[in-house]
Amino acid sequence: MTPSAALPAVAVALLTSDLRLRDNPVLHAALAGAEAAVPLFVRDRAIEESGFAVPNRQAFLADCLTALDEGLRERGGRLVVRSGDPATETARLVRECGAREVHIAAGVSDYAQRRETRLRTALEEVGCALRVHDAVTTVVAPGTLTPTGGRDHFAVFTPYFRRWARAGRRSPLAAPRTVRVPEAVGSLPLPRGRDVRGTAPGLARGGERAGRERWASWRRKGGLDRYGQRDGGQSDLGADATSRLSPHLHFGSLSPLELVHEAAAKGGTGADAFVRQLAWRDFHHQVLAARPRAAHADYRPRGDRWRTDRGGGAAQEVDAWRAGRTGYPLVDAGMRQLLHEGWMHNRARLLAAGFLTKTLYVDWRIGAAHFLAHLVDGDIANNQMNWQWAAGTGTDTRPNRVLNPLTQARTCDPQGAYVRRWVPELAHIQGAAVHQPWRLPAAERASLDYPDPVVDLGEGQARFRAARQPD
């Protein structure tokens, strides 16, 4: 008997947020453990009907699926696409092809955990085993690192990072050379991403090849080497020097583990700073895995009496914030970048979030929902936990800190390059004056199609501090 004859005939690789060939433990295990494998993606109707599958992510996802299918076909295989409930559709496919095992990456959200439970039950009914793989969408699996004292997760980043940096890691996996898919297995057509209505005009292209090209180009141009300088562009909004890899990490068209290995091999302060950012991503995933309710509920309640967008002055302020018309150019620039690209510079995200929650004192969930409606990298763990950090209800050890947009402008956009790029009605104003258009001469101010500030900074931040006081 040959070794291959002892293997099960067919296995299924149920792909979710790991849409790649390189360093994909799910696909690798399915191929290694069977004579043939079915790379499967199920278009989850529950996600589509919930509103989470917004145009920008739908378009990027379609790019990722197309690129994955092309890569599989180059190796003799193909991607199988189904639509419906993942548990039901996977069990149906198992019955069709007689698969003995289904492989999937572990998820961290409440929905992902419930999906895994449903999937396990459905597969048990058809006599098929479920194999769940850790450290596919993160570098270190959530729950692997825990603090002393019996706590189930780290609530502070620095001690987490110390443990994370010392944790053992597997080596990245090569892309498969060949993929055998049973011919009889049918598939729905691949979605066509650029046909999706409502996408941002500047939306980046998705897929593993695009992600790898972006990673290589950014390093070749010195992005990784400069990453330690002023946070490698994290604090220099005008430089636009960030890697822009977050959409590829969200959809798994790039492996975070592979990025860490390649950055560490390069070495240097820039590489160290970049790796630290990937550790922040893992940190947020382990928080949400341990506290799934933090996607919608305060991680650390502060007794807030948040304003909402249900009528009144707060509603008008929220509308101005969403449109990038608050009268504070740095905040507005970030919000307009979001609308144009479906992406926003990380520093601009924190500034926009802090302005909404601590100057307008509006519920962080309203802002988080707006971001998720547009961000192509709209990851629940990172989006929600970063919003909670900005609102002071999350893991920040200084919950009352305020990011003043004028102070941030002096630090992050001193000559106004970022504002002029995204707020064209102010593009003619030179230098730092662009950050305070209300100080322009009256005649020039009157000619601007740009609003006055929706709130005085001092009054807004005083309102926040007063509201945070206990009754």
Protein backbone atom coordinates (compact mmCIF):
# COMPACT_ATOMS: atom_id res chain seq x y z
CA MET A 1 0.00 0.00 0.00
CA THR A 2 1.43 3.39 -0.97
CA PRO A 3 1.36 6.20 1.61
CA SER A 4 -1.21 8.15 -0.41
CA ALA A 5 -3.57 5.17 -0.49
CA ALA A 6 -3.94 5.38 3.29
CA LEU A 7 -5.15 8.98 3.12
CA PRO A 8 -8.82 9.97 3.05
CA ALA A 9 -9.98 10.62 -0.50
CA VAL A 10 -11.16 14.20 0.00
CA ALA A 11 -10.81 17.01 2.55
CA VAL A 12 -12.32 20.49 2.53
CA ALA A 13 -10.47 23.73 3.27
CA LEU A 14 -13.18 26.19 4.34
CA LEU A 15 -11.55 29.56 3.74
CA THR A 16 -12.77 32.62 5.62
CA SER A 17 -10.25 35.36 6.43
CA ASP A 18 -7.29 33.47 4.94
CA LEU A 19 -7.66 34.06 1.21
CA ARG A 20 -4.12 33.19 0.16
CA LEU A 21 -1.87 30.36 -1.01
CA ARG A 22 1.31 31.33 0.84
CA ASP A 23 1.45 30.42 4.53
CA ASN A 24 -2.07 29.05 4.73
CA PRO A 25 -2.21 26.30 7.39
CA VAL A 26 -5.85 25.51 6.54
CA LEU A 27 -5.18 24.77 2.89
CA HIS A 28 -1.85 23.11 3.69
CA ALA A 29 -3.44 20.69 6.17
CA ALA A 30 -6.31 19.83 3.83
CA LEU A 31 -3.91 19.03 0.99
CA ALA A 32 -1.49 17.09 3.19
CA GLY A 33 -4.22 14.99 4.79
CA ALA A 34 -6.12 13.78 1.72
CA GLU A 35 -5.72 12.70 -1.87
CA ALA A 36 -7.75 15.67 -3.07
CA ALA A 37 -8.97 18.87 -1.44
CA VAL A 38 -11.78 21.33 -2.07
CA PRO A 39 -10.83 24.97 -1.37
CA LEU A 40 -14.25 26.33 -0.41
CA PHE A 41 -15.55 29.83 0.18
CA VAL A 42 -19.14 30.31 1.30
CA ARG A 43 -20.75 33.68 0.70
CA ASP A 44 -22.40 33.99 4.09
CA ARG A 45 -25.92 35.34 3.64
CA ALA A 46 -26.17 36.22 7.32
CA ILE A 47 -23.20 38.57 6.94
CA GLU A 48 -24.58 40.03 3.72
CA GLU A 49 -28.03 40.59 5.24
CA SER A 50 -26.60 42.06 8.45
CA GLY A 51 -25.17 45.03 6.58
CA PHE A 52 -21.57 44.12 7.35
CA ALA A 53 -20.85 43.22 3.72
CA VAL A 54 -20.61 46.83 2.56
CA PRO A 55 -19.59 47.76 -1.02
CA ASN A 56 -15.91 48.49 -0.31
CA ARG A 57 -15.34 45.16 1.40
CA GLN A 58 -17.47 43.30 -1.15
CA ALA A 59 -15.33 44.66 -3.98
CA PHE A 60 -12.06 43.91 -2.24
CA LEU A 61 -13.30 40.44 -1.32
CA ALA A 62 -14.19 39.73 -4.93
CA ASP A 63 -10.65 40.73 -5.96
CA CYS A 64 -9.26 38.36 -3.34
CA LEU A 65 -11.42 35.45 -4.50
CA THR A 66 -10.52 36.05 -8.14
CA ALA A 67 -6.80 36.14 -7.34
CA LEU A 68 -7.09 33.01 -5.21
CA ASP A 69 -8.94 31.15 -7.95
CA GLU A 70 -6.29 32.18 -10.49
CA GLY A 71 -3.51 30.92 -8.22
CA LEU A 72 -5.28 27.62 -7.62
CA ARG A 73 -5.87 27.11 -11.36
CA GLU A 74 -2.17 27.66 -12.01
CA ARG A 75 -1.65 24.64 -9.73
CA GLY A 76 -4.30 22.46 -11.30
CA GLY A 77 -7.12 23.33 -8.89
CA ARG A 78 -9.86 25.92 -8.53
CA LEU A 79 -11.87 27.73 -5.90
CA VAL A 80 -15.35 26.43 -5.13
CA VAL A 81 -17.87 29.11 -4.19
CA ARG A 82 -21.22 28.47 -2.52
CA SER A 83 -23.80 30.82 -1.00
CA GLY A 84 -25.92 30.46 2.14
CA ASP A 85 -25.26 29.39 5.71
CA PRO A 86 -21.63 28.21 5.99
CA ALA A 87 -22.52 25.22 8.20
CA THR A 88 -25.33 24.07 5.89
CA GLU A 89 -23.40 24.61 2.68
CA THR A 90 -20.24 22.94 3.97
CA ALA A 91 -22.18 19.89 5.17
CA ARG A 92 -23.91 19.72 1.78
CA LEU A 93 -20.52 19.76 0.02
CA VAL A 94 -19.21 17.06 2.37
CA ARG A 95 -22.10 14.81 1.36
CA GLU A 96 -21.45 15.52 -2.33
CA CYS A 97 -17.77 14.62 -2.29
CA GLY A 98 -17.57 12.22 0.68
CA ALA A 99 -15.06 14.40 2.57
CA ARG A 100 -13.82 13.05 5.88
CA GLU A 101 -12.36 16.30 7.27
CA VAL A 102 -13.06 20.03 7.07
CA HIS A 103 -10.33 22.48 8.00
CA ILE A 104 -10.98 26.08 9.08
CA ALA A 105 -9.08 28.94 10.73
CA ALA A 106 -10.10 29.82 14.28
CA GLY A 107 -12.05 33.06 14.57
CA VAL A 108 -12.22 35.55 17.43
CA SER A 109 -15.53 37.38 17.07
CA ASP A 110 -18.71 36.21 18.73
CA TYR A 111 -20.16 35.46 15.30
CA ALA A 112 -17.11 33.43 14.24
CA GLN A 113 -17.28 31.38 17.42
CA ARG A 114 -20.99 30.68 16.93
CA ARG A 115 -20.33 29.77 13.29
CA GLU A 116 -17.72 27.24 14.39
CA THR A 117 -20.17 25.67 16.85
CA ARG A 118 -22.87 25.35 14.16
CA LEU A 119 -20.36 23.94 11.73
CA ARG A 120 -19.14 21.32 14.17
CA THR A 121 -22.71 20.18 14.85
CA ALA A 122 -23.60 20.02 11.15
CA LEU A 123 -20.49 17.99 10.33
CA GLU A 124 -21.06 15.54 13.17
CA GLU A 125 -24.43 14.75 11.63
CA VAL A 126 -22.74 13.69 8.37
CA GLY A 127 -19.82 11.88 10.05
CA CYS A 128 -17.14 14.44 9.20
CA ALA A 129 -14.45 15.82 11.52
CA LEU A 130 -13.76 19.54 11.96
CA ARG A 131 -10.13 20.64 12.32
CA VAL A 132 -9.68 24.18 13.64
CA HIS A 133 -6.31 25.84 13.08
CA ASP A 134 -4.88 28.58 15.30
CA ALA A 135 -2.44 31.34 14.32
CA VAL A 136 -3.78 31.65 10.78
CA THR A 137 -5.22 35.16 10.94
CA THR A 138 -2.90 36.29 13.76
CA VAL A 139 0.76 35.73 14.61
CA VAL A 140 0.02 34.32 18.06
CA ALA A 141 -3.32 32.65 18.67
CA PRO A 142 -5.70 34.45 21.04
CA GLY A 143 -5.73 32.73 24.41
CA THR A 144 -2.21 31.36 24.02
CA LEU A 145 -0.70 34.11 26.17
CA THR A 146 -2.32 34.82 29.53
CA PRO A 147 -1.13 36.86 32.51
CA THR A 148 -0.49 35.49 35.96
CA GLY A 149 -3.26 35.44 38.49
CA GLY A 150 -5.72 33.33 36.55
CA ARG A 151 -6.90 36.05 34.17
CA ASP A 152 -7.87 34.86 30.71
CA HIS A 153 -6.36 37.69 28.66
CA PHE A 154 -4.07 40.70 28.80
CA ALA A 155 -5.84 44.03 29.30
CA VAL A 156 -2.66 46.15 28.91
CA PHE A 157 -0.54 46.07 25.78
CA THR A 158 3.01 46.44 27.15
CA PRO A 159 3.11 43.26 29.27
CA TYR A 160 1.30 41.45 26.46
CA PHE A 161 3.93 42.58 23.96
CA ARG A 162 6.78 41.39 26.17
CA ARG A 163 5.28 37.90 26.23
CA TRP A 164 4.29 38.07 22.55
CA ALA A 165 7.85 38.95 21.49
CA ARG A 166 9.22 35.87 23.29
CA ALA A 167 6.51 33.46 22.13
CA GLY A 168 7.47 30.63 19.83
CA ARG A 169 6.22 30.84 16.26
CA ARG A 170 5.92 28.33 13.47
CA SER A 171 7.77 28.85 10.20
CA PRO A 172 5.80 30.25 7.26
CA LEU A 173 4.46 27.64 4.84
CA ALA A 174 5.20 27.63 1.13
CA ALA A 175 2.38 27.83 -1.39
CA PRO A 176 1.24 24.41 -2.61
CA ARG A 177 2.75 23.16 -5.86
CA THR A 178 -0.31 21.23 -6.96
CA VAL A 179 -3.96 21.22 -5.94
CA ARG A 180 -6.34 18.42 -6.88
CA VAL A 181 -10.05 19.22 -6.74
CA PRO A 182 -12.69 16.58 -7.58
CA GLU A 183 -14.11 17.42 -11.01
CA ALA A 184 -17.70 16.67 -10.00
CA VAL A 185 -17.83 19.41 -7.37
CA GLY A 186 -19.80 22.36 -8.71
CA SER A 187 -19.34 26.03 -7.94
CA LEU A 188 -21.20 29.29 -8.25
CA PRO A 189 -19.55 31.97 -10.41
CA LEU A 190 -16.99 34.18 -8.75
CA PRO A 191 -18.33 37.60 -7.70
CA ARG A 192 -17.12 40.49 -9.83
CA GLY A 193 -15.72 43.12 -7.51
CA ARG A 194 -15.56 46.16 -9.74
CA ASP A 195 -19.26 45.78 -10.57
CA VAL A 196 -20.23 46.50 -6.97
CA ARG A 197 -22.12 49.75 -6.70
CA GLY A 198 -21.23 52.36 -4.13
CA THR A 199 -17.53 51.59 -3.81
CA ALA A 200 -15.09 54.35 -2.96
CA PRO A 201 -13.50 55.86 -6.10
CA GLY A 202 -9.99 55.40 -4.73
CA LEU A 203 -10.45 51.86 -3.44
CA ALA A 204 -7.26 49.77 -3.59
CA ARG A 205 -7.21 46.47 -5.44
CA GLY A 206 -7.37 43.26 -3.42
CA GLY A 207 -5.87 39.81 -3.72
CA GLU A 208 -2.71 38.01 -2.73
CA ARG A 209 -0.69 39.17 -5.73
CA ALA A 210 -1.66 42.81 -5.15
CA GLY A 211 -0.82 42.47 -1.46
CA ARG A 212 2.57 40.94 -2.07
CA GLU A 213 3.37 43.59 -4.66
CA ARG A 214 2.40 46.32 -2.21
CA TRP A 215 4.55 44.78 0.54
CA ALA A 216 7.56 44.41 -1.79
CA SER A 217 7.19 47.91 -3.25
CA TRP A 218 6.89 49.55 0.17
CA ARG A 219 10.04 47.81 1.40
CA ARG A 220 11.92 48.55 -1.81
CA LYS A 221 11.15 52.25 -1.43
CA GLY A 222 12.48 52.26 2.13
CA GLY A 223 9.14 52.20 3.94
CA LEU A 224 10.21 49.53 6.41
CA ASP A 225 13.56 51.20 7.10
CA ARG A 226 11.86 54.53 7.83
CA TYR A 227 9.10 53.03 9.94
CA GLY A 228 10.86 53.88 13.20
CA GLN A 229 11.23 57.54 12.22
CA ARG A 230 8.30 59.57 13.61
CA ASP A 231 6.42 56.29 13.87
CA GLY A 232 7.29 55.57 10.26
CA GLY A 233 4.57 57.86 8.98
CA GLN A 234 2.17 56.96 11.76
CA SER A 235 2.54 60.52 13.02
CA ASP A 236 3.26 62.21 9.67
CA LEU A 237 -0.05 62.41 7.91
CA GLY A 238 1.26 64.31 4.90
CA ALA A 239 3.99 61.79 4.13
CA ASP A 240 1.51 58.96 3.44
CA ALA A 241 4.30 56.55 4.42
CA THR A 242 2.32 53.75 6.04
CA SER A 243 2.34 50.27 4.53
CA ARG A 244 -1.41 50.22 3.70
CA LEU A 245 -1.42 46.47 4.25
CA SER A 246 -4.35 46.41 6.70
CA PRO A 247 -6.97 45.41 4.06
CA HIS A 248 -4.82 42.45 3.05
CA LEU A 249 -4.42 41.42 6.67
CA HIS A 250 -8.17 41.69 7.23
CA PHE A 251 -9.01 39.40 4.31
CA GLY A 252 -5.97 37.21 4.81
CA SER A 253 -4.49 37.82 1.38
CA LEU A 254 -1.26 38.35 3.32
CA SER A 255 -0.08 36.34 6.32
CA PRO A 256 0.77 38.40 9.42
CA LEU A 257 3.18 35.67 10.49
CA GLU A 258 5.06 35.89 7.21
CA LEU A 259 5.29 39.68 7.53
CA VAL A 260 6.77 39.33 11.01
CA HIS A 261 9.35 36.80 9.82
CA GLU A 262 10.38 38.94 6.85
CA ALA A 263 10.53 42.15 8.88
CA ALA A 264 12.54 40.45 11.63
CA ALA A 265 14.95 39.08 9.03
CA LYS A 266 15.47 42.62 7.76
CA GLY A 267 16.05 43.95 11.28
CA GLY A 268 16.52 47.52 12.45
CA THR A 269 14.43 50.04 14.36
CA GLY A 270 11.95 50.38 11.50
CA ALA A 271 11.34 46.65 11.36
CA ASP A 272 10.96 46.53 15.14
CA ALA A 273 8.35 49.30 15.06
CA PHE A 274 6.45 47.55 12.26
CA VAL A 275 6.41 44.25 14.14
CA ARG A 276 5.11 46.07 17.20
CA GLN A 277 2.12 47.27 15.17
CA LEU A 278 1.36 43.68 14.19
CA ALA A 279 1.51 42.80 17.88
CA TRP A 280 -1.11 45.50 18.55
CA ARG A 281 -3.36 43.73 16.04
CA ASP A 282 -2.91 40.44 17.89
CA PHE A 283 -3.53 42.20 21.19
CA HIS A 284 -6.92 43.46 20.07
CA HIS A 285 -7.84 40.03 18.73
CA GLN A 286 -7.07 38.37 22.07
CA VAL A 287 -9.13 40.98 23.92
CA LEU A 288 -12.16 40.42 21.68
CA ALA A 289 -11.78 36.63 21.78
CA ALA A 290 -11.95 36.77 25.56
CA ARG A 291 -14.66 39.45 25.69
CA PRO A 292 -16.82 39.11 22.55
CA ARG A 293 -19.37 41.57 23.98
CA ALA A 294 -16.76 44.31 23.67
CA ALA A 295 -17.75 44.56 20.01
CA HIS A 296 -20.83 46.44 21.21
CA ALA A 297 -20.52 47.03 24.97
CA ASP A 298 -18.02 49.11 26.95
CA TYR A 299 -14.99 47.03 27.88
CA ARG A 300 -14.49 49.25 30.92
CA PRO A 301 -17.67 51.24 31.63
CA ARG A 302 -17.09 54.82 32.77
CA GLY A 303 -20.68 55.75 33.54
CA ASP A 304 -20.94 57.75 30.33
CA ARG A 305 -24.16 59.48 29.31
CA TRP A 306 -23.36 59.60 25.63
CA ARG A 307 -25.13 61.91 23.22
CA THR A 308 -26.64 60.18 20.18
CA ASP A 309 -27.52 61.08 16.59
CA ARG A 310 -31.27 60.94 17.22
CA GLY A 311 -32.30 64.49 16.55
CA GLY A 312 -31.18 67.78 18.02
CA GLY A 313 -27.79 69.45 17.90
CA ALA A 314 -25.88 66.21 18.33
CA ALA A 315 -27.44 64.80 15.15
CA GLN A 316 -26.30 67.83 13.16
CA GLU A 317 -22.80 67.54 14.58
CA VAL A 318 -22.62 63.83 13.73
CA ASP A 319 -23.79 64.53 10.18
CA ALA A 320 -21.05 67.15 9.84
CA TRP A 321 -18.50 64.71 11.20
CA ARG A 322 -19.55 61.96 8.76
CA ALA A 323 -19.34 64.35 5.81
CA GLY A 324 -16.00 65.86 6.79
CA ARG A 325 -17.56 69.28 7.46
CA THR A 326 -16.82 69.87 11.15
CA GLY A 327 -14.84 73.04 10.51
CA TYR A 328 -11.69 71.43 11.87
CA PRO A 329 -9.59 70.73 8.77
CA LEU A 330 -7.47 67.87 10.11
CA VAL A 331 -10.55 65.96 11.28
CA ASP A 332 -12.34 66.66 8.01
CA ALA A 333 -9.36 65.55 5.94
CA GLY A 334 -9.39 62.15 7.59
CA MET A 335 -13.12 61.71 7.14
CA ARG A 336 -12.89 62.62 3.46
CA GLN A 337 -10.02 60.24 2.91
CA LEU A 338 -12.29 57.54 4.35
CA LEU A 339 -15.06 58.38 1.88
CA HIS A 340 -12.69 58.53 -1.10
CA GLU A 341 -10.48 55.52 -0.42
CA GLY A 342 -12.39 53.32 2.01
CA TRP A 343 -9.28 53.63 4.15
CA MET A 344 -7.85 56.18 6.55
CA HIS A 345 -4.44 56.86 8.03
CA ASN A 346 -4.21 55.36 11.52
CA ARG A 347 -3.41 58.65 13.24
CA ALA A 348 -6.35 60.27 11.46
CA ARG A 349 -8.61 57.46 12.69
CA LEU A 350 -7.65 58.08 16.29
CA LEU A 351 -8.06 61.83 15.87
CA ALA A 352 -11.49 61.52 14.21
CA ALA A 353 -12.63 59.03 16.85
CA GLY A 354 -11.36 61.15 19.71
CA PHE A 355 -13.07 64.23 18.28
CA LEU A 356 -16.43 62.47 18.04
CA THR A 357 -16.30 60.93 21.49
CA LYS A 358 -14.42 63.47 23.59
CA THR A 359 -15.19 66.79 21.92
CA LEU A 360 -18.71 66.11 20.66
CA TYR A 361 -19.30 63.50 23.41
CA VAL A 362 -21.15 61.19 21.03
CA ASP A 363 -21.48 57.45 21.63
CA TRP A 364 -18.48 55.60 20.21
CA ARG A 365 -20.74 52.94 18.67
CA ILE A 366 -22.11 55.53 16.23
CA GLY A 367 -18.63 56.32 14.99
CA ALA A 368 -17.57 52.69 14.89
CA ALA A 369 -20.60 51.85 12.75
CA HIS A 370 -19.76 54.65 10.30
CA PHE A 371 -16.19 53.40 9.99
CA LEU A 372 -17.41 49.84 9.39
CA ALA A 373 -19.73 51.14 6.68
CA HIS A 374 -16.73 52.39 4.69
CA LEU A 375 -13.46 50.81 5.81
CA VAL A 376 -12.19 48.12 3.46
CA ASP A 377 -10.16 46.81 6.42
CA GLY A 378 -13.24 46.90 8.66
CA ASP A 379 -12.04 44.34 11.16
CA ILE A 380 -14.33 43.99 14.19
CA ALA A 381 -11.50 43.44 16.68
CA ASN A 382 -9.33 46.33 15.57
CA ASN A 383 -12.08 48.76 14.69
CA GLN A 384 -14.15 48.31 17.84
CA MET A 385 -11.24 48.07 20.27
CA ASN A 386 -9.51 51.11 18.76
CA TRP A 387 -12.77 53.05 19.03
CA GLN A 388 -13.06 52.02 22.66
CA TRP A 389 -9.44 53.09 23.22
CA ALA A 390 -10.25 56.51 21.75
CA ALA A 391 -13.45 56.80 23.79
CA GLY A 392 -11.71 55.85 27.02
CA THR A 393 -13.89 52.79 27.55
CA GLY A 394 -11.33 50.26 26.33
CA THR A 395 -7.81 49.26 27.29
CA ASP A 396 -6.27 52.75 27.42
CA THR A 397 -4.72 53.32 30.83
CA ARG A 398 -5.43 57.08 30.45
CA PRO A 399 -9.14 57.02 29.62
CA ASN A 400 -9.62 60.80 29.80
CA ARG A 401 -6.85 61.75 27.37
CA VAL A 402 -7.98 64.15 24.63
CA LEU A 403 -6.39 64.46 21.18
CA ASN A 404 -6.75 68.16 20.42
CA PRO A 405 -6.95 68.54 16.60
CA LEU A 406 -4.96 71.78 16.63
CA THR A 407 -2.19 70.28 18.73
CA GLN A 408 -2.23 67.18 16.54
CA ALA A 409 -2.00 69.39 13.45
CA ARG A 410 1.23 70.96 14.69
CA THR A 411 2.68 67.49 15.29
CA CYS A 412 1.25 65.39 12.47
CA ASP A 413 0.67 67.85 9.61
CA PRO A 414 2.74 70.92 10.42
CA GLN A 415 2.66 72.40 6.90
CA GLY A 416 -0.88 71.27 6.07
CA ALA A 417 -0.01 68.85 3.26
CA TYR A 418 -2.57 66.27 4.40
CA VAL A 419 -5.34 68.84 4.75
CA ARG A 420 -4.69 70.38 1.34
CA ARG A 421 -4.78 66.90 -0.22
CA TRP A 422 -8.22 66.03 1.12
CA VAL A 423 -9.98 69.38 1.68
CA PRO A 424 -9.69 71.02 -1.75
CA GLU A 425 -11.61 74.17 -0.76
CA LEU A 426 -8.66 74.98 1.52
CA ALA A 427 -5.91 73.93 -0.90
CA HIS A 428 -4.92 77.51 -1.72
CA ILE A 429 -4.10 78.34 1.91
CA GLN A 430 -0.38 78.01 2.47
CA GLY A 431 1.42 76.50 5.44
CA ALA A 432 0.02 75.96 8.90
CA ALA A 433 -2.67 78.62 8.41
CA VAL A 434 -4.76 75.97 6.68
CA HIS A 435 -5.54 74.41 10.06
CA GLN A 436 -7.37 77.50 11.37
CA PRO A 437 -9.32 78.98 8.45
CA TRP A 438 -11.54 80.92 10.86
CA ARG A 439 -8.55 83.19 11.51
CA LEU A 440 -8.26 84.28 7.89
CA PRO A 441 -9.13 87.89 6.97
CA ALA A 442 -12.89 88.40 6.84
CA ALA A 443 -13.02 88.91 3.06
CA GLU A 444 -11.07 85.72 2.38
CA ARG A 445 -13.06 83.80 4.95
CA ALA A 446 -16.33 84.85 3.36
CA SER A 447 -15.27 83.42 -0.01
CA LEU A 448 -14.61 79.94 1.37
CA ASP A 449 -17.09 77.12 0.90
CA TYR A 450 -16.08 75.71 4.25
CA PRO A 451 -18.04 75.68 7.52
CA ASP A 452 -17.30 77.34 10.83
CA PRO A 453 -16.36 74.90 13.63
CA VAL A 454 -19.36 72.90 14.85
CA VAL A 455 -18.22 73.38 18.43
CA ASP A 456 -15.62 75.33 20.35
CA LEU A 457 -12.86 72.92 21.31
CA GLY A 458 -12.61 74.12 24.88
CA GLU A 459 -16.36 73.99 25.44
CA GLY A 460 -16.68 70.56 23.87
CA GLN A 461 -13.88 69.04 25.89
CA ALA A 462 -15.21 70.65 29.08
CA ARG A 463 -18.57 69.04 28.31
CA PHE A 464 -16.86 65.66 28.06
CA ARG A 465 -15.05 66.05 31.35
CA ALA A 466 -18.20 67.23 33.12
CA ALA A 467 -20.21 64.32 31.73
CA ARG A 468 -17.63 61.83 32.97
CA GLN A 469 -17.99 63.02 36.55
CA PRO A 470 -19.91 60.61 38.80
CA ASP A 471 -23.45 61.58 39.78
